Amino acid sequence: MALMSRPISSRTSIEQTYQDSVVSQGMPAGLSFSLALPRGWHLRRREAVTIPGPGSPVVELARFAPATENALGWAEGAEVVILAAFLPREMHGRDWLRAWVDSQGYSVMDSREASTPFGIMGDVLASRTRDGIRKLHRLTTFKDADLIFLLDGRASYEHCVRSPSIQEIFLLAVIRFRLLEPTRQLFAEGFEPVTLEGTARVSFLASGLWTSRPGGDAPTEGASLIFDNLLDQRVVGTLVAVLGSVGMPATELEAITLTKLANQGYSYSAQTQPAYEVVKPDSEVVVRSAMATRDSANFTVTSARITLDSIPVSLVLITPTESASFEAWAVNNRVFEIALNSMRVEVVDSDPGNDR
């Protein structure tokens, strides 16, 4: 069974069958929302709604179900449940959903991703059996600041096999889901611009929760910084940013950085094919990764070699592998992506009119 990607009913039929439901009364600031549901559904809530936080990381905001036997989805036992989850560290909604699916015992049947300004969101079709009853679930994430919103559309698995169109209820709820008071903050944690300065100047966004220190032995006319992700005073991720001199090949700068890591005890496997590559007349970005070991621990080393207007930059992430520590891996990779995507370079010149 596959995720339904577009409605199968006509626009006229949808307008006649569905209506927007608004949930705002009694909701804490930032948690109000609206979504489309079949006519004849009603709102059920188990308990008073509180804002998710460290003490209550996942909160049920609302639960909807058919109110009468004539309502669409009654025979299938359909429900739509909205949850909100506290996100202590920035990560993709897709990765949060992967961890949730694993922890809650779902079996994934199909999945998709959606790129948004808030990161990559996840959309999963899964099944789960509880109390001897198997249900089909569509699990979709939305994100605002440090909150993940999970829309969980569910119904009897057997009914959905016989009548796949029941998925349309969940699809339309996803399409029409809206936060009514979004903060529009992109990240769950604070990111601040940092600067490397040598012959040129490089700025990018770095997490305020990571500690920074000078990266010794910087290239001539270059600069370097090292950022550590600490958990209980233990390093669970490291980002190395190195700026080379104007005209230096980025491949050479990358090789120097990786060699220094090898001298610190990291033993690399063969590198994978580039995970990301963009080549333009005035710029080049190539990202690739490799498995590495150090002191019997397994790591993933992801390296970006960047050239912008003849200015080379090396950005390297050392993180526990996905299988060794999924949460650290997800957090570290998100920080790496934000740094890479926010990178800006300009030539240092005493004449501001010559800035690039």
Protein backbone atom coordinates (compact mmCIF):
# COMPACT_ATOMS: atom_id res chain seq x y z
CA MET A 1 0.00 0.00 0.00
CA ALA A 2 1.33 3.45 -0.95
CA LEU A 3 0.85 6.96 0.41
CA MET A 4 -1.95 8.78 -1.40
CA SER A 5 -0.36 11.84 -2.97
CA ARG A 6 -3.40 13.59 -4.47
CA PRO A 7 -7.14 13.55 -3.82
CA ILE A 8 -9.21 11.15 -5.88
CA SER A 9 -12.52 12.98 -5.43
CA SER A 10 -13.53 15.94 -7.56
CA ARG A 11 -13.18 19.48 -6.24
CA THR A 12 -16.96 19.80 -6.09
CA SER A 13 -17.29 16.59 -4.09
CA ILE A 14 -14.56 17.67 -1.67
CA GLU A 15 -16.19 21.05 -1.08
CA GLN A 16 -19.49 19.33 -0.34
CA THR A 17 -17.98 16.66 1.92
CA TYR A 18 -15.31 18.53 3.90
CA GLN A 19 -15.12 21.64 6.03
CA ASP A 20 -12.35 23.44 7.90
CA SER A 21 -12.28 22.83 11.65
CA VAL A 22 -10.61 25.43 13.88
CA VAL A 23 -9.13 24.49 17.26
CA SER A 24 -8.25 27.59 19.26
CA GLN A 25 -10.45 27.83 22.36
CA GLY A 26 -8.50 26.94 25.47
CA MET A 27 -5.29 26.36 23.50
CA PRO A 28 -2.01 27.82 24.79
CA ALA A 29 -0.32 30.42 22.61
CA GLY A 30 1.22 28.93 19.48
CA LEU A 31 -0.77 25.70 19.52
CA SER A 32 -4.00 26.75 17.75
CA PHE A 33 -4.57 25.20 14.35
CA SER A 34 -7.10 24.41 11.65
CA LEU A 35 -7.50 21.48 9.27
CA ALA A 36 -10.06 20.01 6.86
CA LEU A 37 -12.23 17.12 8.05
CA PRO A 38 -15.38 15.42 6.73
CA ARG A 39 -18.67 16.97 7.74
CA GLY A 40 -20.18 15.10 10.67
CA TRP A 41 -16.87 14.74 12.54
CA HIS A 42 -16.43 16.17 16.02
CA LEU A 43 -13.60 17.14 18.33
CA ARG A 44 -12.77 14.94 21.30
CA ARG A 45 -10.06 15.86 23.81
CA ARG A 46 -8.77 13.58 26.55
CA GLU A 47 -7.27 16.19 28.87
CA ALA A 48 -6.38 19.86 29.23
CA VAL A 49 -3.78 20.94 26.69
CA THR A 50 -0.38 22.11 27.96
CA ILE A 51 2.64 23.39 26.06
CA PRO A 52 5.16 20.58 25.43
CA GLY A 53 8.45 20.91 27.30
CA PRO A 54 11.21 18.86 28.93
CA GLY A 55 8.78 17.49 31.54
CA SER A 56 6.04 16.64 29.02
CA PRO A 57 7.80 16.26 25.67
CA VAL A 58 4.75 14.98 23.73
CA VAL A 59 1.22 16.37 24.22
CA GLU A 60 -2.02 15.42 22.50
CA LEU A 61 -3.69 18.59 21.23
CA ALA A 62 -6.88 17.18 19.73
CA ARG A 63 -8.58 14.02 18.55
CA PHE A 64 -11.25 13.99 15.86
CA ALA A 65 -13.66 11.21 14.86
CA PRO A 66 -17.02 10.72 13.12
CA ALA A 67 -19.92 11.73 15.35
CA THR A 68 -22.63 9.66 13.62
CA GLU A 69 -22.90 6.43 11.64
CA ASN A 70 -23.62 8.45 8.49
CA ALA A 71 -20.33 10.37 8.69
CA LEU A 72 -17.50 9.43 6.36
CA GLY A 73 -15.03 7.08 8.06
CA TRP A 74 -17.42 5.74 10.74
CA ALA A 75 -17.35 2.13 9.53
CA GLU A 76 -13.55 2.20 9.25
CA GLY A 77 -13.04 3.55 12.79
CA ALA A 78 -11.20 6.54 11.35
CA GLU A 79 -9.61 9.15 13.61
CA VAL A 80 -7.29 12.11 13.19
CA VAL A 81 -5.06 12.87 16.17
CA ILE A 82 -2.84 15.96 16.47
CA LEU A 83 0.21 15.80 18.73
CA ALA A 84 2.79 18.45 19.59
CA ALA A 85 6.33 17.51 20.64
CA PHE A 86 9.08 19.57 22.24
CA LEU A 87 12.28 19.66 20.22
CA PRO A 88 15.23 20.42 22.53
CA ARG A 89 17.75 20.45 19.66
CA GLU A 90 17.35 21.40 16.03
CA MET A 91 16.75 18.51 13.63
CA HIS A 92 14.68 17.71 10.58
CA GLY A 93 11.05 16.81 11.15
CA ARG A 94 11.80 13.77 8.98
CA ASP A 95 14.41 12.55 11.46
CA TRP A 96 12.21 13.21 14.49
CA LEU A 97 9.50 11.14 12.80
CA ARG A 98 11.92 8.27 12.14
CA ALA A 99 12.77 8.14 15.84
CA TRP A 100 9.07 8.33 16.79
CA VAL A 101 8.09 5.53 14.41
CA ASP A 102 10.82 3.29 15.81
CA SER A 103 9.99 4.04 19.45
CA GLN A 104 6.24 3.50 19.00
CA GLY A 105 6.45 0.18 17.19
CA TYR A 106 5.16 1.14 13.74
CA SER A 107 5.92 -0.87 10.59
CA VAL A 108 6.64 1.53 7.72
CA MET A 109 5.02 0.75 4.37
CA ASP A 110 5.80 3.92 2.40
CA SER A 111 7.35 7.32 3.04
CA ARG A 112 8.03 10.68 1.46
CA GLU A 113 9.91 13.85 2.31
CA ALA A 114 9.08 17.53 1.83
CA SER A 115 11.65 20.34 1.93
CA THR A 116 10.48 23.43 3.83
CA PRO A 117 12.18 26.54 5.27
CA PHE A 118 11.97 24.75 8.64
CA GLY A 119 13.84 21.66 7.41
CA ILE A 120 12.82 18.41 5.75
CA MET A 121 9.48 17.14 6.96
CA GLY A 122 8.46 13.47 7.01
CA ASP A 123 5.32 11.77 5.69
CA VAL A 124 4.94 8.07 6.48
CA LEU A 125 2.35 5.36 5.84
CA ALA A 126 2.64 2.70 8.53
CA SER A 127 0.72 0.04 10.38
CA ARG A 128 0.61 -0.87 14.05
CA THR A 129 -1.23 -3.48 16.09
CA ARG A 130 -2.50 -2.63 19.57
CA ASP A 131 -4.85 -4.72 21.72
CA GLY A 132 -5.14 -7.13 18.82
CA ILE A 133 -6.39 -4.44 16.41
CA ARG A 134 -4.27 -3.51 13.39
CA LYS A 135 -4.59 0.04 12.11
CA LEU A 136 -3.23 1.97 9.17
CA HIS A 137 -1.59 5.31 10.06
CA ARG A 138 -0.56 8.30 8.01
CA LEU A 139 2.01 10.20 10.09
CA THR A 140 3.02 13.67 8.88
CA THR A 141 5.21 16.27 10.57
CA PHE A 142 5.10 20.06 10.61
CA LYS A 143 7.53 22.30 12.50
CA ASP A 144 7.60 25.74 14.11
CA ALA A 145 10.54 26.88 16.26
CA ASP A 146 11.09 24.16 18.92
CA LEU A 147 7.79 22.35 18.32
CA ILE A 148 7.06 19.42 16.03
CA PHE A 149 3.40 18.93 15.12
CA LEU A 150 2.40 15.39 14.20
CA LEU A 151 -0.80 14.67 12.30
CA ASP A 152 -1.74 11.03 12.82
CA GLY A 153 -4.61 9.83 10.61
CA ARG A 154 -5.62 6.28 11.48
CA ALA A 155 -8.26 3.69 10.55
CA SER A 156 -8.86 -0.06 10.50
CA TYR A 157 -6.18 -1.68 8.38
CA GLU A 158 -8.52 -4.27 6.90
CA HIS A 159 -11.07 -1.62 5.91
CA CYS A 160 -8.32 0.45 4.29
CA VAL A 161 -7.15 -2.53 2.25
CA ARG A 162 -10.69 -3.01 0.94
CA SER A 163 -11.30 0.71 0.51
CA PRO A 164 -8.03 2.60 -0.11
CA SER A 165 -10.01 5.83 -0.63
CA ILE A 166 -10.22 6.20 3.18
CA GLN A 167 -6.71 7.64 2.89
CA GLU A 168 -8.24 10.72 1.27
CA ILE A 169 -9.50 11.83 4.70
CA PHE A 170 -5.94 11.90 6.00
CA LEU A 171 -4.50 13.48 2.86
CA LEU A 172 -6.93 16.40 2.95
CA ALA A 173 -6.25 16.91 6.66
CA VAL A 174 -2.53 17.14 5.83
CA ILE A 175 -3.04 19.48 2.87
CA ARG A 176 -5.23 21.89 4.83
CA PHE A 177 -3.40 21.79 8.19
CA ARG A 178 -2.43 25.32 9.30
CA LEU A 179 -0.99 26.79 12.48
CA LEU A 180 -2.99 29.88 13.42
CA GLU A 181 -0.30 31.58 15.53
CA PRO A 182 3.05 30.40 14.16
CA THR A 183 6.24 32.01 15.46
CA ARG A 184 7.84 31.41 12.04
CA GLN A 185 11.16 30.79 13.80
CA LEU A 186 13.12 28.41 11.61
CA PHE A 187 15.19 26.66 14.27
CA ALA A 188 14.60 24.93 17.60
CA GLU A 189 17.75 26.50 19.05
CA GLY A 190 19.66 29.75 18.59
CA PHE A 191 22.01 30.05 15.63
CA GLU A 192 24.50 32.92 15.48
CA PRO A 193 26.71 34.15 12.64
CA VAL A 194 30.40 33.39 13.13
CA THR A 195 33.30 34.62 11.02
CA LEU A 196 36.59 33.20 9.80
CA GLU A 197 38.94 35.91 8.61
CA GLY A 198 42.18 35.67 6.66
CA THR A 199 42.82 36.96 3.17
CA ALA A 200 39.06 36.62 2.83
CA ARG A 201 36.15 36.62 5.22
CA VAL A 202 33.75 33.69 5.64
CA SER A 203 30.58 33.88 7.71
CA PHE A 204 28.05 31.16 8.46
CA LEU A 205 25.49 30.23 11.10
CA ALA A 206 26.59 28.09 14.04
CA SER A 207 24.56 26.71 16.93
CA GLY A 208 24.86 28.66 20.16
CA LEU A 209 24.68 25.33 22.03
CA TRP A 210 27.98 24.15 20.54
CA THR A 211 31.28 25.32 22.08
CA SER A 212 33.83 26.90 19.77
CA ARG A 213 37.62 27.00 19.93
CA PRO A 214 40.43 28.05 17.58
CA GLY A 215 41.56 25.33 15.21
CA GLY A 216 45.34 25.47 15.51
CA ASP A 217 47.73 25.41 12.57
CA ALA A 218 45.48 27.32 10.17
CA PRO A 219 46.62 27.67 6.54
CA THR A 220 48.79 30.66 5.60
CA GLU A 221 46.49 33.69 5.17
CA GLY A 222 43.61 31.49 6.33
CA ALA A 223 41.77 30.71 9.54
CA SER A 224 40.00 27.84 11.29
CA LEU A 225 37.48 27.18 14.03
CA ILE A 226 36.33 23.98 15.73
CA PHE A 227 32.85 23.54 17.22
CA ASP A 228 32.00 20.75 19.66
CA ASN A 229 28.57 19.38 20.51
CA LEU A 230 28.78 18.45 24.19
CA LEU A 231 26.45 16.10 26.04
CA ASP A 232 27.23 15.83 29.78
CA GLN A 233 30.75 17.13 29.05
CA ARG A 234 31.22 14.44 26.42
CA VAL A 235 31.85 15.39 22.79
CA VAL A 236 29.17 13.82 20.59
CA GLY A 237 29.92 15.79 17.44
CA THR A 238 32.60 18.08 16.00
CA LEU A 239 32.46 20.60 13.16
CA VAL A 240 35.72 21.83 11.66
CA ALA A 241 35.64 24.98 9.51
CA VAL A 242 38.79 25.99 7.63
CA LEU A 243 39.37 28.98 5.36
CA GLY A 244 42.23 28.84 2.85
CA SER A 245 43.99 31.61 0.99
CA VAL A 246 42.52 33.08 -2.19
CA GLY A 247 43.27 30.86 -5.17
CA MET A 248 44.18 27.77 -3.14
CA PRO A 249 42.47 24.67 -4.58
CA ALA A 250 39.59 23.57 -2.37
CA THR A 251 40.58 19.93 -2.95
CA GLU A 252 43.99 20.66 -1.42
CA LEU A 253 42.44 22.39 1.59
CA GLU A 254 40.04 19.48 2.11
CA ALA A 255 42.86 16.94 1.87
CA ILE A 256 44.90 18.82 4.49
CA THR A 257 41.93 18.90 6.89
CA LEU A 258 41.17 15.19 6.47
CA THR A 259 44.84 14.28 6.85
CA LYS A 260 44.99 16.16 10.14
CA LEU A 261 42.02 14.14 11.37
CA ALA A 262 43.78 10.95 10.29
CA ASN A 263 46.81 12.02 12.31
CA GLN A 264 44.48 12.34 15.32
CA GLY A 265 43.56 8.65 15.07
CA TYR A 266 40.65 8.55 12.62
CA SER A 267 40.95 5.63 10.20
CA TYR A 268 38.85 6.09 7.05
CA SER A 269 37.08 3.59 4.86
CA ALA A 270 36.63 4.26 1.16
CA GLN A 271 34.63 7.44 0.59
CA THR A 272 31.15 7.28 -0.84
CA GLN A 273 29.96 8.99 -3.98
CA PRO A 274 29.25 12.72 -3.50
CA ALA A 275 26.02 13.18 -1.56
CA TYR A 276 25.63 16.71 -2.92
CA GLU A 277 27.37 18.49 -5.77
CA VAL A 278 26.76 21.87 -7.41
CA VAL A 279 29.23 23.25 -9.92
CA LYS A 280 28.81 26.72 -11.45
CA PRO A 281 31.19 29.03 -13.34
CA ASP A 282 32.06 31.00 -10.19
CA SER A 283 31.44 28.42 -7.45
CA GLU A 284 31.65 24.76 -6.54
CA VAL A 285 30.26 22.78 -3.61
CA VAL A 286 30.94 19.05 -3.25
CA VAL A 287 29.80 17.10 -0.19
CA ARG A 288 30.81 13.50 0.43
CA SER A 289 31.06 11.20 3.42
CA ALA A 290 33.09 8.26 4.68
CA MET A 291 32.94 5.81 7.53
CA ALA A 292 35.73 6.10 10.08
CA THR A 293 36.85 4.45 13.30
CA ARG A 294 38.73 5.80 16.28
CA ASP A 295 39.42 3.92 19.50
CA SER A 296 37.03 1.16 18.35
CA ALA A 297 34.15 3.64 17.95
CA ASN A 298 32.41 4.17 14.60
CA PHE A 299 31.95 7.60 13.06
CA THR A 300 30.69 9.23 9.90
CA VAL A 301 32.94 11.95 8.49
CA THR A 302 31.12 14.31 6.12
CA SER A 303 33.24 16.77 4.18
CA ALA A 304 32.23 19.77 2.10
CA ARG A 305 34.77 21.40 -0.17
CA ILE A 306 33.61 24.81 -1.22
CA THR A 307 34.96 27.37 -3.70
CA LEU A 308 33.29 30.77 -3.98
CA ASP A 309 34.92 33.43 -6.14
CA SER A 310 38.28 31.59 -5.90
CA ILE A 311 38.02 31.44 -2.10
CA PRO A 312 38.35 27.89 -0.71
CA VAL A 313 36.61 26.60 2.40
CA SER A 314 36.61 23.17 4.02
CA LEU A 315 33.74 22.18 6.31
CA VAL A 316 34.04 18.77 8.00
CA LEU A 317 31.63 17.07 10.39
CA ILE A 318 32.63 14.17 12.63
CA THR A 319 29.59 12.46 14.13
CA PRO A 320 28.66 9.10 15.62
CA THR A 321 27.11 6.89 12.96
CA GLU A 322 23.36 6.79 12.43
CA SER A 323 23.15 3.33 13.98
CA ALA A 324 25.41 4.15 16.94
CA SER A 325 23.51 7.27 18.09
CA PHE A 326 20.65 8.34 15.88
CA GLU A 327 19.72 11.50 17.81
CA ALA A 328 23.30 12.83 17.86
CA TRP A 329 23.67 11.95 14.18
CA ALA A 330 20.45 13.81 13.29
CA VAL A 331 21.35 16.91 15.34
CA ASN A 332 24.92 17.03 14.04
CA ASN A 333 23.95 16.67 10.40
CA ARG A 334 21.34 19.42 10.71
CA VAL A 335 23.95 21.80 12.16
CA PHE A 336 26.33 20.91 9.31
CA GLU A 337 23.63 21.62 6.70
CA ILE A 338 22.70 24.97 8.26
CA ALA A 339 26.36 26.03 8.33
CA LEU A 340 26.86 24.98 4.72
CA ASN A 341 23.68 26.58 3.39
CA SER A 342 24.28 29.87 5.22
CA MET A 343 27.90 30.31 4.15
CA ARG A 344 28.81 33.70 2.73
CA VAL A 345 32.24 34.81 1.54
CA GLU A 346 33.68 38.23 0.77
CA VAL A 347 37.19 39.48 -0.04
CA VAL A 348 38.78 41.61 2.66
CA ASP A 349 39.54 45.02 1.21
CA SER A 350 40.12 48.43 2.73
CA ASP A 351 37.81 49.90 0.11
CA PRO A 352 34.23 48.87 0.94
CA GLY A 353 33.25 49.44 -2.67
CA ASN A 354 35.38 46.47 -3.67
CA ASP A 355 33.60 44.01 -1.35
CA ARG A 356 32.18 40.98 -3.05
